């Protein structure tokens, strides 16, 4: 376990915001993570002064690729830089492939690897920035496919007790850009650190497997989380497993992909062709973080009832919307932001990308870089405009620290 002090985070967040981690821990193995938990608990029990801890505050901030993060100042929490690598095929059966990857692996590199190995299923999620470990937290998705559609299970470590456990898809409580890892746990770290893991397991449903190798069976209701219980700041994902069926069906019901088929004349594309199309479309629409700082889509596309959508359509007939299988309707946040006149506007060095209103960008460079405060001021102004015009509250996608 390598602990570093006063580390610049500017190159560790794709927005390029200048901030420091007062204490950064590089996590390159599960053992590193367990060592961190042990050290934290020793410091708690001994009452170590804030200046002598890994970082002044207790709750850790897990950092993968920094592609879903807005920093509003120096980070006083311990920053866990996830660098656990490795990817492999665990099972190759007539039905499909079970693959596993370390939390520190690049998500796009994993997608690229599966497609190159003729294991289709992830191609629609190509070029999504970030790491494998962050994918379940956000339940990432693009072009008609979400992580939950390919998810098998994950391994994690409880930051309060050091216990290792596994979760299946149902236990992760996946929803649109949401999971159990985005919600705060009930109680405080100090309260739970004094209780053995078994009592949490019995009282709140946090189930684990002894070797953290097998997910809990779906029928094991005793192992389910209470819906009010979250794992944000409580647990860190170390490995993710995905199931890719060999009976592959391409997902093409999306305007951009339909346009690619029409332009090329290819009506039955391979996984590699879909991968290439998705990469091309994303590069056309979204700025490269290496050139213009950003975190991709800044707001979630809101979901409303059919009645609410009809009411909005009566006032705004051109609003872009997508009927969902459950009867709700997803509205295009970018369209609403554009209609409110925000495309190309800015607050300080934070701006709205001229080619895609859903993306906020860092217009500054080096010393004149945008601050987290400018980004959030712009975001709140956009939220106010959209609410005043449509009665819809836009929810930011990135984590704000």
Protein backbone atom coordinates (compact mmCIF):
# COMPACT_ATOMS: atom_id res chain seq x y z
CA UNK A 1 0.00 0.00 0.00
CA UNK A 2 1.49 3.30 -1.14
CA UNK A 3 0.32 6.47 0.64
CA UNK A 4 1.10 9.88 -0.88
CA UNK A 5 0.44 13.33 0.59
CA UNK A 6 -0.75 16.55 -1.09
CA UNK A 7 -1.17 14.98 -4.53
CA UNK A 8 -2.46 17.09 -7.43
CA UNK A 9 -5.67 15.63 -8.83
CA UNK A 10 -5.75 17.76 -11.97
CA UNK A 11 -4.57 14.90 -14.20
CA UNK A 12 -6.78 12.42 -12.32
CA UNK A 13 -10.10 14.04 -13.26
CA UNK A 14 -11.18 14.43 -16.88
CA UNK A 15 -12.62 17.89 -16.22
CA UNK A 16 -9.05 19.02 -15.54
CA UNK A 17 -10.04 20.87 -12.37
CA UNK A 18 -7.13 21.82 -10.11
CA UNK A 19 -7.42 20.34 -6.62
CA UNK A 20 -5.28 18.34 -4.21
CA UNK A 21 -5.77 15.10 -2.32
CA UNK A 22 -4.41 15.58 1.18
CA UNK A 23 -3.91 11.81 1.29
CA UNK A 24 -3.92 9.45 -1.71
CA UNK A 25 -3.60 5.67 -1.46
CA UNK A 26 -2.74 3.59 -4.53
CA UNK A 27 -4.75 0.37 -4.45
CA UNK A 28 -3.09 -2.24 -6.70
CA UNK A 29 -4.42 -5.37 -4.98
CA UNK A 30 -7.08 -6.52 -2.54
CA UNK A 31 -4.32 -6.79 0.06
CA UNK A 32 -3.62 -3.06 -0.36
CA UNK A 33 -7.28 -2.35 0.34
CA UNK A 34 -7.34 -4.58 3.41
CA UNK A 35 -4.18 -2.87 4.69
CA UNK A 36 -5.86 0.52 4.29
CA UNK A 37 -8.95 -0.62 6.22
CA UNK A 38 -6.76 -2.04 8.99
CA UNK A 39 -4.78 1.20 9.25
CA UNK A 40 -7.94 3.31 9.35
CA UNK A 41 -9.42 1.19 12.12
CA UNK A 42 -6.17 1.36 14.11
CA UNK A 43 -6.20 5.14 13.84
CA UNK A 44 -9.84 5.31 14.92
CA UNK A 45 -9.27 3.13 17.96
CA UNK A 46 -6.13 5.03 18.96
CA UNK A 47 -7.73 8.45 18.45
CA UNK A 48 -4.97 9.55 16.08
CA UNK A 49 -4.99 13.29 15.37
CA UNK A 50 -6.27 14.36 11.91
CA UNK A 51 -2.82 15.58 10.86
CA UNK A 52 -1.33 12.10 11.40
CA UNK A 53 -4.02 10.10 9.60
CA UNK A 54 -4.00 9.08 5.95
CA UNK A 55 -6.24 12.13 5.48
CA UNK A 56 -8.04 14.40 7.96
CA UNK A 57 -11.53 12.97 7.29
CA UNK A 58 -12.52 9.30 7.59
CA UNK A 59 -14.81 8.42 4.65
CA UNK A 60 -12.82 7.45 1.56
CA UNK A 61 -13.31 8.78 -1.97
CA UNK A 62 -12.85 6.02 -4.55
CA UNK A 63 -11.14 7.31 -7.69
CA UNK A 64 -11.07 5.37 -10.94
CA UNK A 65 -10.63 7.30 -14.17
CA UNK A 66 -12.04 10.52 -12.71
CA UNK A 67 -14.49 10.74 -15.61
CA UNK A 68 -17.56 11.17 -13.40
CA UNK A 69 -16.20 13.64 -10.87
CA UNK A 70 -16.43 17.38 -10.19
CA UNK A 71 -13.99 18.67 -7.59
CA UNK A 72 -15.02 21.86 -5.78
CA UNK A 73 -11.91 22.09 -3.59
CA UNK A 74 -9.08 20.10 -2.05
CA UNK A 75 -10.15 16.64 -0.86
CA UNK A 76 -9.79 16.04 2.86
CA UNK A 77 -10.99 12.45 2.60
CA UNK A 78 -8.61 9.57 1.83
CA UNK A 79 -8.55 9.16 -1.96
CA UNK A 80 -8.33 5.52 -3.03
CA UNK A 81 -6.81 5.44 -6.52
CA UNK A 82 -7.99 2.10 -7.89
CA UNK A 83 -5.25 0.41 -9.93
CA UNK A 84 -6.22 -3.28 -9.68
CA UNK A 85 -5.58 -4.70 -13.16
CA UNK A 86 -6.16 -7.97 -14.99
CA UNK A 87 -8.83 -9.46 -17.23
CA UNK A 88 -9.58 -13.09 -18.03
CA UNK A 89 -12.20 -15.55 -19.26
CA UNK A 90 -13.44 -17.53 -16.26
CA UNK A 91 -15.80 -19.79 -18.20
CA UNK A 92 -16.24 -20.66 -21.87
CA UNK A 93 -19.39 -22.75 -22.22
CA UNK A 94 -21.75 -23.52 -25.11
CA UNK A 95 -24.07 -20.86 -23.65
CA UNK A 96 -21.58 -18.02 -23.27
CA UNK A 97 -18.48 -16.49 -21.74
CA UNK A 98 -18.02 -15.39 -18.16
CA UNK A 99 -15.30 -12.73 -18.03
CA UNK A 100 -13.70 -10.97 -15.08
CA UNK A 101 -11.75 -7.71 -14.90
CA UNK A 102 -9.99 -5.76 -12.16
CA UNK A 103 -11.55 -2.51 -11.01
CA UNK A 104 -8.64 -0.45 -12.33
CA UNK A 105 -8.91 -1.67 -15.93
CA UNK A 106 -10.05 0.83 -18.57
CA UNK A 107 -13.68 0.13 -19.49
CA UNK A 108 -13.16 0.94 -23.17
CA UNK A 109 -10.06 -1.28 -23.31
CA UNK A 110 -12.13 -4.14 -21.88
CA UNK A 111 -14.83 -3.64 -24.52
CA UNK A 112 -12.18 -3.50 -27.23
CA UNK A 113 -10.61 -6.72 -25.92
CA UNK A 114 -13.90 -8.66 -25.84
CA UNK A 115 -14.80 -7.62 -29.39
CA UNK A 116 -11.31 -8.50 -30.67
CA UNK A 117 -11.65 -11.92 -29.02
CA UNK A 118 -14.97 -12.51 -30.83
CA UNK A 119 -16.97 -12.23 -27.60
CA UNK A 120 -19.78 -9.80 -28.54
CA UNK A 121 -22.17 -8.06 -26.20
CA UNK A 122 -20.42 -4.92 -24.97
CA UNK A 123 -19.87 -3.15 -28.30
CA UNK A 124 -22.67 -0.59 -27.78
CA UNK A 125 -20.85 0.66 -24.67
CA UNK A 126 -17.58 1.39 -26.47
CA UNK A 127 -15.65 4.57 -25.64
CA UNK A 128 -17.47 5.17 -22.36
CA UNK A 129 -14.73 6.75 -20.23
CA UNK A 130 -13.72 5.46 -16.83
CA UNK A 131 -12.72 2.20 -15.22
CA UNK A 132 -14.34 -1.20 -14.84
CA UNK A 133 -14.85 -0.68 -11.11
CA UNK A 134 -16.87 2.47 -11.72
CA UNK A 135 -19.16 0.82 -14.28
CA UNK A 136 -21.53 -0.87 -11.78
CA UNK A 137 -21.65 2.22 -9.55
CA UNK A 138 -23.15 4.28 -12.36
CA UNK A 139 -24.79 1.38 -14.20
CA UNK A 140 -23.22 2.82 -17.34
CA UNK A 141 -25.00 2.46 -20.64
CA UNK A 142 -25.20 3.69 -24.20
CA UNK A 143 -27.05 3.01 -27.44
CA UNK A 144 -29.66 0.71 -25.95
CA UNK A 145 -27.44 -1.39 -23.65
CA UNK A 146 -26.75 -0.93 -19.95
CA UNK A 147 -24.20 -2.66 -17.76
CA UNK A 148 -26.97 -4.49 -15.91
CA UNK A 149 -27.84 -6.26 -19.18
CA UNK A 150 -24.44 -7.99 -19.18
CA UNK A 151 -23.66 -8.01 -15.46
CA UNK A 152 -23.03 -11.25 -13.59
CA UNK A 153 -21.52 -10.34 -10.19
CA UNK A 154 -18.84 -8.32 -8.44
CA UNK A 155 -16.43 -8.58 -5.52
CA UNK A 156 -16.03 -5.77 -3.01
CA UNK A 157 -14.50 -4.94 0.34
CA UNK A 158 -16.33 -3.38 3.28
CA UNK A 159 -14.32 -0.28 4.22
CA UNK A 160 -15.61 -0.33 7.79
CA UNK A 161 -14.85 -3.95 8.64
CA UNK A 162 -12.48 -5.30 5.98
CA UNK A 163 -14.89 -8.09 5.06
CA UNK A 164 -14.91 -9.27 1.43
CA UNK A 165 -18.25 -9.97 -0.19
CA UNK A 166 -19.92 -10.54 -3.55
CA UNK A 167 -23.12 -9.17 -5.05
CA UNK A 168 -25.29 -10.25 -7.95
CA UNK A 169 -27.32 -7.92 -10.16
CA UNK A 170 -30.43 -7.86 -8.00
CA UNK A 171 -28.42 -7.02 -4.91
CA UNK A 172 -26.75 -4.12 -6.73
CA UNK A 173 -30.23 -2.56 -7.16
CA UNK A 174 -29.42 -1.29 -10.64
CA UNK A 175 -31.58 1.48 -12.07
CA UNK A 176 -31.03 4.21 -14.66
CA UNK A 177 -27.50 5.51 -13.89
CA UNK A 178 -27.95 4.25 -10.37
CA UNK A 179 -27.03 1.45 -7.98
CA UNK A 180 -26.68 0.69 -4.29
CA UNK A 181 -23.15 2.14 -4.52
CA UNK A 182 -24.51 5.66 -5.12
CA UNK A 183 -26.54 5.86 -1.92
CA UNK A 184 -25.25 6.67 1.54
CA UNK A 185 -25.39 3.94 4.19
CA UNK A 186 -27.59 4.30 7.22
CA UNK A 187 -25.70 5.36 10.34
CA UNK A 188 -22.12 6.55 10.58
CA UNK A 189 -18.82 4.84 9.95
CA UNK A 190 -17.91 5.11 13.62
CA UNK A 191 -21.16 3.39 14.62
CA UNK A 192 -20.74 0.51 12.20
CA UNK A 193 -17.00 0.11 12.77
CA UNK A 194 -17.79 -0.95 16.33
CA UNK A 195 -20.15 -3.70 15.19
CA UNK A 196 -19.09 -7.05 13.74
CA UNK A 197 -19.91 -7.72 10.12
CA UNK A 198 -22.31 -10.52 11.04
CA UNK A 199 -24.63 -8.12 12.87
CA UNK A 200 -24.82 -5.90 9.79
CA UNK A 201 -25.49 -8.97 7.70
CA UNK A 202 -28.34 -10.07 9.93
CA UNK A 203 -29.79 -6.63 10.60
CA UNK A 204 -29.51 -4.90 7.24
CA UNK A 205 -29.07 -7.73 4.81
CA UNK A 206 -25.44 -7.22 3.76
CA UNK A 207 -24.61 -10.72 2.55
CA UNK A 208 -21.14 -12.00 1.78
CA UNK A 209 -19.50 -15.17 0.56
CA UNK A 210 -16.58 -16.44 2.61
CA UNK A 211 -14.09 -16.38 -0.25
CA UNK A 212 -15.83 -13.63 -2.22
CA UNK A 213 -15.93 -15.97 -5.21
CA UNK A 214 -19.62 -16.77 -5.70
CA UNK A 215 -22.51 -14.31 -5.89
CA UNK A 216 -25.39 -14.84 -3.50
CA UNK A 217 -28.13 -16.95 -5.08
CA UNK A 218 -31.13 -14.85 -6.21
CA UNK A 219 -33.43 -16.90 -4.00
CA UNK A 220 -31.46 -16.11 -0.85
CA UNK A 221 -33.75 -13.38 0.44
CA UNK A 222 -31.89 -13.19 3.74
CA UNK A 223 -28.92 -11.87 1.82
CA UNK A 224 -30.66 -8.93 0.23
CA UNK A 225 -30.02 -5.29 1.08
CA UNK A 226 -32.65 -3.23 2.71
CA UNK A 227 -33.75 -0.78 -0.04
CA UNK A 228 -32.84 2.10 2.28
CA UNK A 229 -29.29 0.86 2.71
CA UNK A 230 -26.56 2.22 0.50
CA UNK A 231 -22.90 1.42 0.01
CA UNK A 232 -21.49 4.83 -0.95
CA UNK A 233 -18.33 5.38 1.16
CA UNK A 234 -19.00 1.95 2.68
CA UNK A 235 -17.63 -0.46 0.07
CA UNK A 236 -15.08 -0.58 -2.75
CA UNK A 237 -15.47 -2.77 -5.83
CA UNK A 238 -12.35 -4.80 -6.63
CA UNK A 239 -13.45 -7.09 -9.49
CA UNK A 240 -16.39 -7.23 -11.90
CA UNK A 241 -17.73 -10.25 -13.79
CA UNK A 242 -19.81 -10.04 -16.97
CA UNK A 243 -21.82 -12.70 -18.80
CA UNK A 244 -21.74 -12.57 -22.62
CA UNK A 245 -24.20 -15.02 -24.26
CA UNK A 246 -22.99 -16.78 -27.40
CA UNK A 247 -26.47 -16.44 -28.86
CA UNK A 248 -25.78 -12.81 -29.68
CA UNK A 249 -28.43 -10.39 -30.88
CA UNK A 250 -27.20 -6.96 -32.01
CA UNK A 251 -28.93 -3.97 -30.44
CA UNK A 252 -29.56 -1.48 -33.23
CA UNK A 253 -32.77 0.32 -32.27
CA UNK A 254 -31.15 3.70 -31.87
CA UNK A 255 -31.26 6.62 -34.29
CA UNK A 256 -27.48 7.03 -34.68
CA UNK A 257 -26.97 3.32 -35.38
CA UNK A 258 -29.89 3.22 -37.81
CA UNK A 259 -28.29 6.16 -39.62
CA UNK A 260 -24.98 4.29 -39.83
CA UNK A 261 -26.76 1.28 -41.32
CA UNK A 262 -28.51 3.47 -43.88
CA UNK A 263 -25.29 5.24 -44.85
CA UNK A 264 -23.25 2.05 -45.23
CA UNK A 265 -25.97 -0.25 -46.56
CA UNK A 266 -25.04 -2.83 -43.89
CA UNK A 267 -28.23 -4.27 -42.39
CA UNK A 268 -26.66 -7.08 -40.38
CA UNK A 269 -23.54 -5.55 -38.83
CA UNK A 270 -21.00 -7.55 -36.85
CA UNK A 271 -20.05 -6.64 -33.28
CA UNK A 272 -16.86 -5.06 -34.64
CA UNK A 273 -18.86 -2.89 -37.04
CA UNK A 274 -21.17 -1.74 -34.25
CA UNK A 275 -18.12 -1.02 -32.07
CA UNK A 276 -16.60 1.09 -34.87
CA UNK A 277 -19.88 2.97 -35.43
CA UNK A 278 -20.32 3.76 -31.75
CA UNK A 279 -16.74 5.03 -31.48
CA UNK A 280 -17.24 7.19 -34.57
CA UNK A 281 -20.55 8.66 -33.36
CA UNK A 282 -19.26 9.38 -29.85
CA UNK A 283 -16.18 11.12 -31.23
CA UNK A 284 -18.37 13.25 -33.49
CA UNK A 285 -20.69 14.29 -30.66
CA UNK A 286 -18.52 14.45 -27.56
CA UNK A 287 -15.29 16.36 -26.92
CA UNK A 288 -12.08 14.46 -26.20
CA UNK A 289 -11.22 15.04 -22.49
CA UNK A 290 -7.55 15.17 -23.48
CA UNK A 291 -8.31 18.29 -25.49
CA UNK A 292 -11.31 19.85 -23.69
CA UNK A 293 -11.98 18.94 -20.08
CA UNK A 294 -15.39 17.34 -19.50
CA UNK A 295 -17.19 14.42 -17.84
CA UNK A 296 -19.39 13.49 -20.78
CA UNK A 297 -23.13 13.88 -20.24
CA UNK A 298 -23.54 16.13 -17.21
CA UNK A 299 -27.26 15.52 -16.61
CA UNK A 300 -29.41 12.42 -16.62
CA UNK A 301 -32.23 12.18 -19.11
CA UNK A 302 -35.31 12.59 -16.89
CA UNK A 303 -38.09 10.01 -16.90
CA UNK A 304 -41.73 11.12 -16.61
CA UNK A 305 -45.15 9.52 -16.81
CA UNK A 306 -46.99 9.35 -20.12
CA UNK A 307 -49.44 11.97 -18.82
CA UNK A 308 -46.63 14.36 -17.89
CA UNK A 309 -45.05 13.87 -21.31
CA UNK A 310 -48.33 14.61 -23.08
CA UNK A 311 -48.66 17.80 -21.06
CA UNK A 312 -45.16 18.90 -22.09
CA UNK A 313 -45.75 17.94 -25.74
CA UNK A 314 -48.88 20.12 -25.74
CA UNK A 315 -46.60 23.07 -24.92
CA UNK A 316 -43.45 21.90 -26.74
CA UNK A 317 -44.48 19.65 -29.67
CA UNK A 318 -40.88 19.19 -30.86
CA UNK A 319 -39.46 17.87 -27.58
CA UNK A 320 -37.38 14.73 -28.13
CA UNK A 321 -38.71 11.81 -26.08
CA UNK A 322 -38.40 8.03 -25.93
CA UNK A 323 -41.22 5.72 -24.74
CA UNK A 324 -39.90 3.10 -22.30
CA UNK A 325 -41.03 -0.54 -21.90
CA UNK A 326 -42.55 0.18 -18.47
CA UNK A 327 -44.86 2.86 -19.85
CA UNK A 328 -42.81 5.84 -18.72
CA UNK A 329 -41.19 8.29 -21.13
CA UNK A 330 -37.56 9.43 -21.16
CA UNK A 331 -37.00 13.04 -22.15
CA UNK A 332 -33.85 14.29 -23.89
CA UNK A 333 -32.17 16.58 -21.36
CA UNK A 334 -29.80 17.94 -24.00
CA UNK A 335 -32.73 19.06 -26.17
CA UNK A 336 -34.34 20.91 -23.27
CA UNK A 337 -31.06 22.62 -22.35
CA UNK A 338 -30.56 23.66 -25.97
CA UNK A 339 -34.14 24.94 -26.18
CA UNK A 340 -33.46 27.11 -23.12
CA UNK A 341 -30.64 28.76 -25.06
CA UNK A 342 -27.66 27.42 -23.13
CA UNK A 343 -25.65 25.86 -25.95
CA UNK A 344 -22.33 27.72 -26.21
CA UNK A 345 -22.96 29.84 -23.08
CA UNK A 346 -20.49 29.98 -20.18
CA UNK A 347 -19.94 31.00 -16.57
CA UNK A 348 -16.33 31.94 -15.98
CA UNK A 349 -14.25 29.21 -17.61
CA UNK A 350 -17.04 26.62 -17.49
CA UNK A 351 -19.18 26.36 -20.60
CA UNK A 352 -21.82 24.38 -22.47
CA UNK A 353 -20.32 22.46 -25.39
CA UNK A 354 -21.49 24.05 -28.67
CA UNK A 355 -22.05 20.67 -30.36
CA UNK A 356 -23.93 18.97 -27.49
CA UNK A 357 -25.81 20.92 -24.82
CA UNK A 358 -25.75 17.96 -22.43
CA UNK A 359 -21.98 18.31 -22.02
CA UNK A 360 -20.36 20.95 -19.81
CA UNK A 361 -16.72 21.72 -20.61
CA UNK A 362 -13.63 23.36 -19.16
CA UNK A 363 -12.86 26.32 -21.40
CA UNK A 364 -9.72 27.29 -19.50
CA UNK A 365 -6.17 26.08 -19.67
CA UNK A 366 -3.47 25.58 -17.05
CA UNK A 367 -3.71 28.40 -14.48
CA UNK A 368 -6.94 29.71 -16.02
CA UNK A 369 -8.71 26.36 -15.71
CA UNK A 370 -12.36 26.25 -14.71
CA UNK A 371 -13.05 25.75 -11.04
CA UNK A 372 -15.53 23.32 -9.57
CA UNK A 373 -17.47 26.32 -8.28
CA UNK A 374 -17.86 27.71 -11.80
CA UNK A 375 -19.00 24.33 -13.12
CA UNK A 376 -21.64 23.95 -10.42
CA UNK A 377 -22.83 27.57 -10.79
CA UNK A 378 -23.39 26.90 -14.49
CA UNK A 379 -25.09 23.58 -13.78
CA UNK A 380 -27.48 25.13 -11.25
CA UNK A 381 -28.37 27.95 -13.63
CA UNK A 382 -29.23 25.37 -16.31
CA UNK A 383 -31.33 23.39 -13.83
CA UNK A 384 -33.26 26.54 -12.94
CA UNK A 385 -33.95 27.38 -16.60
CA UNK A 386 -35.19 23.89 -17.42
CA UNK A 387 -37.39 23.75 -14.32
CA UNK A 388 -38.94 27.15 -15.00
CA UNK A 389 -39.77 26.19 -18.59
CA UNK A 390 -40.68 22.51 -18.33
CA UNK A 391 -41.28 21.83 -14.64
CA UNK A 392 -38.54 19.17 -14.80
CA UNK A 393 -35.65 18.99 -12.33
CA UNK A 394 -32.49 17.78 -14.04
CA UNK A 395 -30.26 15.56 -11.95
CA UNK A 396 -26.46 15.74 -12.42
CA UNK A 397 -24.69 12.50 -13.33
CA UNK A 398 -21.21 13.18 -11.87
CA UNK A 399 -20.22 12.96 -8.22
CA UNK A 400 -19.61 16.40 -6.74
CA UNK A 401 -16.92 16.56 -4.03
